[in-house]
Amino acid sequence: MKIKIGTEGAYPPFNNLEADGSLTGFDIDIANALCEEMKAECEFVTSDWDGIIPALLAGKFDAIIASMSITEERKETVDFTNKYYNTPPAIAVPKDSDIAEATDAALAGKTLGAQSSTTHSNYAEEKLGSAELKLYPTPDEYKLDIASGRIDGVIDDVVVLSDWLATEDGACCKLLGTLTPDPVINGEGAGIAIRKGEDELREKFNEAIVAIRESGKYEEINAKYFDFDVYGD
């Protein structure tokens, strides 16, 4: 079985396209483990986030493994496997920021950056309306803007922000706090998206997720990237 897998390649530590052209990250390692479990030959295809679902529907690949949250809105267009991880959103601010807490009131009048077409930008629109929202095509752009003082804070997955803050590029900033996920906005975790009606492929992925959880392979990959169980509740 040959499967083409779409991913973004711009969302470390989950998926990242390295300078040498290789793909790295938790999503990539999980995808490779699932393909091995399914005895499938898998090929990765990178895609801009905004166009990744249209590319799936156009047949450019067979599945999306790119930290895509399972939401009701997306379920109208694609089918999902069960989750393979679930982490909350969070806000980061400059180290010298006067913003005291990760609340709508504390962010009033501030400019908040987020990647467009994500559950995090949707969360900011719905829950943090007192802030002005500025959208970016990838996290790289909002990281540059907050480091240079052009925006007051950013919202993204807590793991993505924590990973960035631990690097030299993230030395400008600190984690303000995590946010309570909204099941309607944030969904039930990250799943693998496939075209509607491809139930056999979805079930193969679901069976493989269970298998790598039971075999210890998931735990092994988890430990490579995180010091907590990223699978969540």
C-alpha atoms as a PDB file:
ATOM      1  CA  MET A   1       0.000   0.000   0.000  1.00  0.00           C
ATOM      2  CA  LYS A   2       1.334   3.421  -1.008  1.00  0.00           C
ATOM      3  CA  ILE A   3       0.154   6.499   0.891  1.00  0.00           C
ATOM      4  CA  LYS A   4       0.999  10.138   0.198  1.00  0.00           C
ATOM      5  CA  ILE A   5       0.969  12.194   3.392  1.00  0.00           C
ATOM      6  CA  GLY A   6       0.544  15.960   3.386  1.00  0.00           C
ATOM      7  CA  THR A   7       2.214  18.044   6.097  1.00  0.00           C
ATOM      8  CA  GLU A   8       3.115  21.703   6.564  1.00  0.00           C
ATOM      9  CA  GLY A   9       6.806  21.582   7.444  1.00  0.00           C
ATOM     10  CA  ALA A  10       6.695  24.892   9.351  1.00  0.00           C
ATOM     11  CA  TYR A  11       5.384  23.950  12.803  1.00  0.00           C
ATOM     12  CA  PRO A  12       8.214  22.729  15.055  1.00  0.00           C
ATOM     13  CA  PRO A  13       8.478  20.600  17.126  1.00  0.00           C
ATOM     14  CA  PHE A  14       5.593  18.799  15.376  1.00  0.00           C
ATOM     15  CA  ASN A  15       6.699  19.143  11.761  1.00  0.00           C
ATOM     16  CA  ASN A  16       9.545  21.110  10.215  1.00  0.00           C
ATOM     17  CA  LEU A  17      11.311  21.226   6.848  1.00  0.00           C
ATOM     18  CA  GLU A  18      15.049  21.351   7.553  1.00  0.00           C
ATOM     19  CA  ALA A  19      17.641  23.191   5.447  1.00  0.00           C
ATOM     20  CA  ASP A  20      18.738  19.904   3.857  1.00  0.00           C
ATOM     21  CA  GLY A  21      15.199  19.187   2.682  1.00  0.00           C
ATOM     22  CA  SER A  22      14.431  16.541   5.308  1.00  0.00           C
ATOM     23  CA  LEU A  23      11.260  16.573   7.394  1.00  0.00           C
ATOM     24  CA  THR A  24      11.534  16.240  11.163  1.00  0.00           C
ATOM     25  CA  GLY A  25       9.219  16.399  14.153  1.00  0.00           C
ATOM     26  CA  PHE A  26       6.685  14.512  16.233  1.00  0.00           C
ATOM     27  CA  ASP A  27       4.076  14.396  13.422  1.00  0.00           C
ATOM     28  CA  ILE A  28       6.670  12.974  11.034  1.00  0.00           C
ATOM     29  CA  ASP A  29       7.901  10.304  13.448  1.00  0.00           C
ATOM     30  CA  ILE A  30       4.325   9.307  14.303  1.00  0.00           C
ATOM     31  CA  ALA A  31       3.446   9.135  10.595  1.00  0.00           C
ATOM     32  CA  ASN A  32       6.459   6.920   9.887  1.00  0.00           C
ATOM     33  CA  ALA A  33       5.559   4.649  12.821  1.00  0.00           C
ATOM     34  CA  LEU A  34       1.952   4.352  11.586  1.00  0.00           C
ATOM     35  CA  CYS A  35       3.124   3.570   8.051  1.00  0.00           C
ATOM     36  CA  GLU A  36       5.473   0.900   9.386  1.00  0.00           C
ATOM     37  CA  GLU A  37       2.623  -0.589  11.428  1.00  0.00           C
ATOM     38  CA  MET A  38       0.358  -0.632   8.368  1.00  0.00           C
ATOM     39  CA  LYS A  39       3.185  -2.026   6.201  1.00  0.00           C
ATOM     40  CA  ALA A  40       2.604   0.905   3.883  1.00  0.00           C
ATOM     41  CA  GLU A  41       5.083   2.789   1.726  1.00  0.00           C
ATOM     42  CA  CYS A  42       4.634   6.442   2.646  1.00  0.00           C
ATOM     43  CA  GLU A  43       5.758   9.596   0.874  1.00  0.00           C
ATOM     44  CA  PHE A  44       5.552  13.097   2.377  1.00  0.00           C
ATOM     45  CA  VAL A  45       4.355  16.159   0.486  1.00  0.00           C
ATOM     46  CA  THR A  46       4.662  19.648   2.016  1.00  0.00           C
ATOM     47  CA  SER A  47       1.885  22.194   1.618  1.00  0.00           C
ATOM     48  CA  ASP A  48       1.131  25.706   2.863  1.00  0.00           C
ATOM     49  CA  TRP A  49      -1.300  25.491   5.774  1.00  0.00           C
ATOM     50  CA  ASP A  50      -4.011  27.611   4.126  1.00  0.00           C
ATOM     51  CA  GLY A  51      -4.142  25.276   1.135  1.00  0.00           C
ATOM     52  CA  ILE A  52      -3.597  21.920   2.805  1.00  0.00           C
ATOM     53  CA  ILE A  53      -7.246  20.769   2.914  1.00  0.00           C
ATOM     54  CA  PRO A  54      -7.936  21.876  -0.700  1.00  0.00           C
ATOM     55  CA  ALA A  55      -4.784  19.959  -1.741  1.00  0.00           C
ATOM     56  CA  LEU A  56      -6.095  16.824   0.004  1.00  0.00           C
ATOM     57  CA  LEU A  57      -9.456  17.173  -1.725  1.00  0.00           C
ATOM     58  CA  ALA A  58      -7.681  17.667  -5.069  1.00  0.00           C
ATOM     59  CA  GLY A  59      -5.891  14.331  -4.598  1.00  0.00           C
ATOM     60  CA  LYS A  60      -2.367  15.708  -4.144  1.00  0.00           C
ATOM     61  CA  PHE A  61      -2.051  13.405  -1.138  1.00  0.00           C
ATOM     62  CA  ASP A  62      -4.147  10.816   0.705  1.00  0.00           C
ATOM     63  CA  ALA A  63      -3.932  12.016   4.315  1.00  0.00           C
ATOM     64  CA  ILE A  64      -2.903  15.077   6.333  1.00  0.00           C
ATOM     65  CA  ILE A  65      -0.638  14.515   9.337  1.00  0.00           C
ATOM     66  CA  ALA A  66       0.139  18.065  10.402  1.00  0.00           C
ATOM     67  CA  SER A  67      -1.191  18.711  13.923  1.00  0.00           C
ATOM     68  CA  MET A  68      -4.655  19.417  12.518  1.00  0.00           C
ATOM     69  CA  SER A  69      -7.276  19.774  15.240  1.00  0.00           C
ATOM     70  CA  ILE A  70     -10.434  17.712  14.856  1.00  0.00           C
ATOM     71  CA  THR A  71     -13.220  20.311  14.733  1.00  0.00           C
ATOM     72  CA  GLU A  72     -16.864  20.210  13.675  1.00  0.00           C
ATOM     73  CA  GLU A  73     -16.198  22.868  11.030  1.00  0.00           C
ATOM     74  CA  ARG A  74     -13.447  20.792   9.391  1.00  0.00           C
ATOM     75  CA  LYS A  75     -15.556  17.618   9.666  1.00  0.00           C
ATOM     76  CA  GLU A  76     -17.955  19.203   7.168  1.00  0.00           C
ATOM     77  CA  THR A  77     -15.188  18.939   4.553  1.00  0.00           C
ATOM     78  CA  VAL A  78     -12.987  15.994   5.579  1.00  0.00           C
ATOM     79  CA  ASP A  79     -13.081  12.894   7.779  1.00  0.00           C
ATOM     80  CA  PHE A  80     -10.728  12.371  10.718  1.00  0.00           C
ATOM     81  CA  THR A  81      -9.146   9.470  12.518  1.00  0.00           C
ATOM     82  CA  ASN A  82      -9.183   9.385  16.294  1.00  0.00           C
ATOM     83  CA  LYS A  83      -6.777  11.859  17.927  1.00  0.00           C
ATOM     84  CA  TYR A  84      -3.078  11.107  18.182  1.00  0.00           C
ATOM     85  CA  TYR A  85      -2.324  13.949  20.606  1.00  0.00           C
ATOM     86  CA  ASN A  86      -4.082  16.768  22.473  1.00  0.00           C
ATOM     87  CA  THR A  87      -2.424  19.855  23.986  1.00  0.00           C
ATOM     88  CA  PRO A  88      -3.915  23.233  25.047  1.00  0.00           C
ATOM     89  CA  PRO A  89      -3.405  26.689  23.540  1.00  0.00           C
ATOM     90  CA  ALA A  90      -1.283  29.306  25.296  1.00  0.00           C
ATOM     91  CA  ILE A  91      -0.100  32.900  25.031  1.00  0.00           C
ATOM     92  CA  ALA A  92       3.471  34.196  24.952  1.00  0.00           C
ATOM     93  CA  VAL A  93       4.513  37.823  25.493  1.00  0.00           C
ATOM     94  CA  PRO A  94       7.802  39.768  25.587  1.00  0.00           C
ATOM     95  CA  LYS A  95       9.704  39.343  28.844  1.00  0.00           C
ATOM     96  CA  ASP A  96       9.231  43.034  29.708  1.00  0.00           C
ATOM     97  CA  SER A  97       5.488  42.984  28.913  1.00  0.00           C
ATOM     98  CA  ASP A  98       3.016  44.696  31.249  1.00  0.00           C
ATOM     99  CA  ILE A  99       0.340  42.080  30.403  1.00  0.00           C
ATOM    100  CA  ALA A 100      -0.250  40.298  33.709  1.00  0.00           C
ATOM    101  CA  GLU A 101      -2.399  37.312  32.730  1.00  0.00           C
ATOM    102  CA  ALA A 102      -3.769  35.330  29.792  1.00  0.00           C
ATOM    103  CA  THR A 103      -7.287  36.796  29.856  1.00  0.00           C
ATOM    104  CA  ASP A 104      -9.418  38.891  27.531  1.00  0.00           C
ATOM    105  CA  ALA A 105      -9.441  41.798  29.982  1.00  0.00           C
ATOM    106  CA  ALA A 106      -5.656  41.798  30.357  1.00  0.00           C
ATOM    107  CA  LEU A 107      -5.228  41.798  26.559  1.00  0.00           C
ATOM    108  CA  ALA A 108      -7.608  44.733  25.957  1.00  0.00           C
ATOM    109  CA  GLY A 109      -6.101  47.159  23.454  1.00  0.00           C
ATOM    110  CA  LYS A 110      -3.126  44.896  22.752  1.00  0.00           C
ATOM    111  CA  THR A 111      -2.197  43.334  19.394  1.00  0.00           C
ATOM    112  CA  LEU A 112      -2.172  39.540  19.388  1.00  0.00           C
ATOM    113  CA  GLY A 113      -0.538  37.493  16.628  1.00  0.00           C
ATOM    114  CA  ALA A 114      -1.715  34.081  15.408  1.00  0.00           C
ATOM    115  CA  GLN A 115      -1.309  31.784  12.426  1.00  0.00           C
ATOM    116  CA  SER A 116      -4.285  32.168  10.088  1.00  0.00           C
ATOM    117  CA  SER A 117      -6.846  29.388   9.515  1.00  0.00           C
ATOM    118  CA  THR A 118      -6.032  27.697  12.833  1.00  0.00           C
ATOM    119  CA  THR A 119      -8.032  26.844  15.933  1.00  0.00           C
ATOM    120  CA  HIS A 120      -5.794  29.338  17.759  1.00  0.00           C
ATOM    121  CA  SER A 121      -6.796  32.264  15.539  1.00  0.00           C
ATOM    122  CA  ASN A 122     -10.440  31.160  15.897  1.00  0.00           C
ATOM    123  CA  TYR A 123     -10.025  31.032  19.692  1.00  0.00           C
ATOM    124  CA  ALA A 124      -8.596  34.559  19.728  1.00  0.00           C
ATOM    125  CA  GLU A 125     -11.494  35.862  17.633  1.00  0.00           C
ATOM    126  CA  GLU A 126     -14.105  34.205  19.846  1.00  0.00           C
ATOM    127  CA  LYS A 127     -12.593  34.485  23.322  1.00  0.00           C
ATOM    128  CA  LEU A 128     -10.074  37.347  23.206  1.00  0.00           C
ATOM    129  CA  GLY A 129     -12.032  39.953  21.273  1.00  0.00           C
ATOM    130  CA  SER A 130     -10.693  42.854  23.330  1.00  0.00           C
ATOM    131  CA  ALA A 131      -7.326  42.396  21.611  1.00  0.00           C
ATOM    132  CA  GLU A 132      -6.608  43.326  18.000  1.00  0.00           C
ATOM    133  CA  LEU A 133      -5.827  40.125  16.093  1.00  0.00           C
ATOM    134  CA  LYS A 134      -3.070  40.075  13.468  1.00  0.00           C
ATOM    135  CA  LEU A 135      -2.877  36.952  11.280  1.00  0.00           C
ATOM    136  CA  TYR A 136       0.223  35.369   9.733  1.00  0.00           C
ATOM    137  CA  PRO A 137       0.717  32.585   7.160  1.00  0.00           C
ATOM    138  CA  THR A 138       3.154  30.672   9.427  1.00  0.00           C
ATOM    139  CA  PRO A 139       4.414  30.954  13.023  1.00  0.00           C
ATOM    140  CA  ASP A 140       7.799  32.186  11.730  1.00  0.00           C
ATOM    141  CA  GLU A 141       6.302  35.576  10.821  1.00  0.00           C
ATOM    142  CA  TYR A 142       4.604  36.193  14.172  1.00  0.00           C
ATOM    143  CA  LYS A 143       7.812  35.188  15.976  1.00  0.00           C
ATOM    144  CA  LEU A 144       9.733  37.882  14.059  1.00  0.00           C
ATOM    145  CA  ASP A 145       7.079  40.500  14.806  1.00  0.00           C
ATOM    146  CA  ILE A 146       6.896  39.849  18.538  1.00  0.00           C
ATOM    147  CA  ALA A 147      10.703  39.768  18.811  1.00  0.00           C
ATOM    148  CA  SER A 148      10.892  43.169  17.103  1.00  0.00           C
ATOM    149  CA  GLY A 149       8.107  44.681  19.213  1.00  0.00           C
ATOM    150  CA  ARG A 150       5.506  45.033  16.451  1.00  0.00           C
ATOM    151  CA  ILE A 151       2.905  42.975  18.350  1.00  0.00           C
ATOM    152  CA  ASP A 152       2.210  42.506  22.064  1.00  0.00           C
ATOM    153  CA  GLY A 153       1.606  38.770  22.271  1.00  0.00           C
ATOM    154  CA  VAL A 154       1.027  35.554  20.324  1.00  0.00           C
ATOM    155  CA  ILE A 155      -1.335  32.612  20.689  1.00  0.00           C
ATOM    156  CA  ASP A 156      -0.491  29.050  19.634  1.00  0.00           C
ATOM    157  CA  ASP A 157      -0.168  25.520  20.979  1.00  0.00           C
ATOM    158  CA  VAL A 158       1.615  25.498  24.347  1.00  0.00           C
ATOM    159  CA  VAL A 159       4.154  22.960  23.060  1.00  0.00           C
ATOM    160  CA  VAL A 160       4.985  25.021  19.973  1.00  0.00           C
ATOM    161  CA  LEU A 161       5.452  28.168  22.058  1.00  0.00           C
ATOM    162  CA  SER A 162       7.470  26.398  24.773  1.00  0.00           C
ATOM    163  CA  ASP A 163       9.750  24.839  22.160  1.00  0.00           C
ATOM    164  CA  TRP A 164      10.393  28.255  20.580  1.00  0.00           C
ATOM    165  CA  LEU A 165      10.936  29.988  23.945  1.00  0.00           C
ATOM    166  CA  ALA A 166      13.669  27.479  24.780  1.00  0.00           C
ATOM    167  CA  THR A 167      15.692  28.579  21.727  1.00  0.00           C
ATOM    168  CA  GLU A 168      17.902  31.630  21.149  1.00  0.00           C
ATOM    169  CA  ASP A 169      15.250  33.091  18.814  1.00  0.00           C
ATOM    170  CA  GLY A 170      12.677  32.846  21.602  1.00  0.00           C
ATOM    171  CA  ALA A 171      14.863  34.557  24.217  1.00  0.00           C
ATOM    172  CA  CYS A 172      12.793  37.728  23.763  1.00  0.00           C
ATOM    173  CA  CYS A 173       9.715  36.267  25.290  1.00  0.00           C
ATOM    174  CA  LYS A 174       8.040  34.225  28.018  1.00  0.00           C
ATOM    175  CA  LEU A 175       4.966  32.046  28.400  1.00  0.00           C
ATOM    176  CA  LEU A 176       2.161  34.148  29.874  1.00  0.00           C
ATOM    177  CA  GLY A 177      -0.101  31.183  30.539  1.00  0.00           C
ATOM    178  CA  THR A 178      -2.126  28.345  29.068  1.00  0.00           C
ATOM    179  CA  LEU A 179      -5.762  28.780  28.069  1.00  0.00           C
ATOM    180  CA  THR A 180      -8.711  26.519  28.805  1.00  0.00           C
ATOM    181  CA  PRO A 181      -9.570  24.788  25.527  1.00  0.00           C
ATOM    182  CA  ASP A 182     -13.075  25.252  24.150  1.00  0.00           C
ATOM    183  CA  PRO A 183     -14.255  21.884  22.737  1.00  0.00           C
ATOM    184  CA  VAL A 184     -16.220  23.622  19.968  1.00  0.00           C
ATOM    185  CA  ILE A 185     -13.258  25.751  18.841  1.00  0.00           C
ATOM    186  CA  ASN A 186     -10.279  23.570  19.717  1.00  0.00           C
ATOM    187  CA  GLY A 187     -11.876  20.208  19.019  1.00  0.00           C
ATOM    188  CA  GLU A 188     -10.847  16.938  20.631  1.00  0.00           C
ATOM    189  CA  GLY A 189      -7.178  16.888  19.694  1.00  0.00           C
ATOM    190  CA  ALA A 190      -5.083  16.498  16.561  1.00  0.00           C
ATOM    191  CA  GLY A 191      -6.165  13.812  14.109  1.00  0.00           C
ATOM    192  CA  ILE A 192      -5.315  12.564  10.639  1.00  0.00           C
ATOM    193  CA  ALA A 193      -7.522  14.117   7.965  1.00  0.00           C
ATOM    194  CA  ILE A 194      -8.602  12.066   4.938  1.00  0.00           C
ATOM    195  CA  ARG A 195     -11.119  12.551   2.162  1.00  0.00           C
ATOM    196  CA  LYS A 196     -14.727  11.762   3.028  1.00  0.00           C
ATOM    197  CA  GLY A 197     -15.814   8.220   2.336  1.00  0.00           C
ATOM    198  CA  GLU A 198     -12.373   6.640   2.571  1.00  0.00           C
ATOM    199  CA  ASP A 199     -13.417   4.617   5.601  1.00  0.00           C
ATOM    200  CA  GLU A 200     -10.987   1.752   5.020  1.00  0.00           C
ATOM    201  CA  LEU A 201      -7.960   4.058   5.135  1.00  0.00           C
ATOM    202  CA  ARG A 202      -9.319   5.847   8.210  1.00  0.00           C
ATOM    203  CA  GLU A 203      -9.783   2.558  10.061  1.00  0.00           C
ATOM    204  CA  LYS A 204      -6.297   1.360   9.102  1.00  0.00           C
ATOM    205  CA  PHE A 205      -4.874   4.530  10.633  1.00  0.00           C
ATOM    206  CA  ASN A 206      -7.055   4.132  13.750  1.00  0.00           C
ATOM    207  CA  GLU A 207      -5.900   0.545  14.231  1.00  0.00           C
ATOM    208  CA  ALA A 208      -2.271   1.625  13.775  1.00  0.00           C
ATOM    209  CA  ILE A 209      -2.656   4.433  16.364  1.00  0.00           C
ATOM    210  CA  VAL A 210      -3.921   1.876  18.898  1.00  0.00           C
ATOM    211  CA  ALA A 211      -1.113  -0.537  17.977  1.00  0.00           C
ATOM    212  CA  ILE A 212       1.750   1.966  18.467  1.00  0.00           C
ATOM    213  CA  ARG A 213       0.199   3.103  21.760  1.00  0.00           C
ATOM    214  CA  GLU A 214       0.105  -0.518  22.978  1.00  0.00           C
ATOM    215  CA  SER A 215       3.549  -1.506  21.671  1.00  0.00           C
ATOM    216  CA  GLY A 216       5.395   1.354  23.392  1.00  0.00           C
ATOM    217  CA  LYS A 217       6.418   2.964  20.099  1.00  0.00           C
ATOM    218  CA  TYR A 218       4.255   6.027  20.782  1.00  0.00           C
ATOM    219  CA  GLU A 219       5.819   6.438  24.236  1.00  0.00           C
ATOM    220  CA  GLU A 220       9.290   6.183  22.678  1.00  0.00           C
ATOM    221  CA  ILE A 221       8.526   8.954  20.158  1.00  0.00           C
ATOM    222  CA  ASN A 222       6.807  11.040  22.855  1.00  0.00           C
ATOM    223  CA  ALA A 223       9.939  10.877  25.065  1.00  0.00           C
ATOM    224  CA  LYS A 224      12.111  12.101  22.174  1.00  0.00           C
ATOM    225  CA  TYR A 225      10.242  15.416  22.114  1.00  0.00           C
ATOM    226  CA  PHE A 226       8.400  15.950  25.407  1.00  0.00           C
ATOM    227  CA  ASP A 227       8.752  15.374  29.139  1.00  0.00           C
ATOM    228  CA  PHE A 228       4.993  14.798  29.552  1.00  0.00           C
ATOM    229  CA  ASP A 229       2.344  12.655  27.849  1.00  0.00           C
ATOM    230  CA  VAL A 230       1.326  14.673  24.795  1.00  0.00           C
ATOM    231  CA  TYR A 231      -1.587  12.277  24.114  1.00  0.00           C
ATOM    232  CA  GLY A 232      -3.626  14.117  26.758  1.00  0.00           C
ATOM    233  CA  ASP A 233      -6.867  13.131  28.424  1.00  0.00           C
END
